[in-house]
């Protein structure tokens, strides 16, 4: 596939990065439904694209029985397994938007009432049965907004 060199590259001096406070970062995270979860698998970083909902400031995702994340959270002690979660909304043409990264502990949800609630709130975006629910409690929240020089 040939590169299209006719389109001008976006100018980097027309935008800047602005740090978001944690409440605004979490609000933006709750405004989208897809993100990426990062965890370790066989001592190496692993990234999976998943859909999520925000519930009481926590990120909730669903997993299937054979998922690596299901296995990792099942093996974790009471604190859970350390994960990072990233979501963004960046315009591909202007490169304006935002990106949020959350680091925290992920645990399998076992309470039947919580499971029923999360299953009603979060439908899998793949045609696959998702038997498990994982809740991520944010400990470190960072975010940036990529804005034009005028705003």
Foldseek 3Di string as FASTA:
>chain_A
DDDDPPDDDADPQFKDKDKDDQVVLLVVVQVDFKKWKWADDPNHIDIDIFGWHADPQKTKTFAADPDPQVVQQVPDDPQAGKMKIKDWDADPPNRWTKIKIFIFHKHKDDDPVVVVVRCVVDDGPDPDDGPTMIIGHGDDMIMITIGTPVD
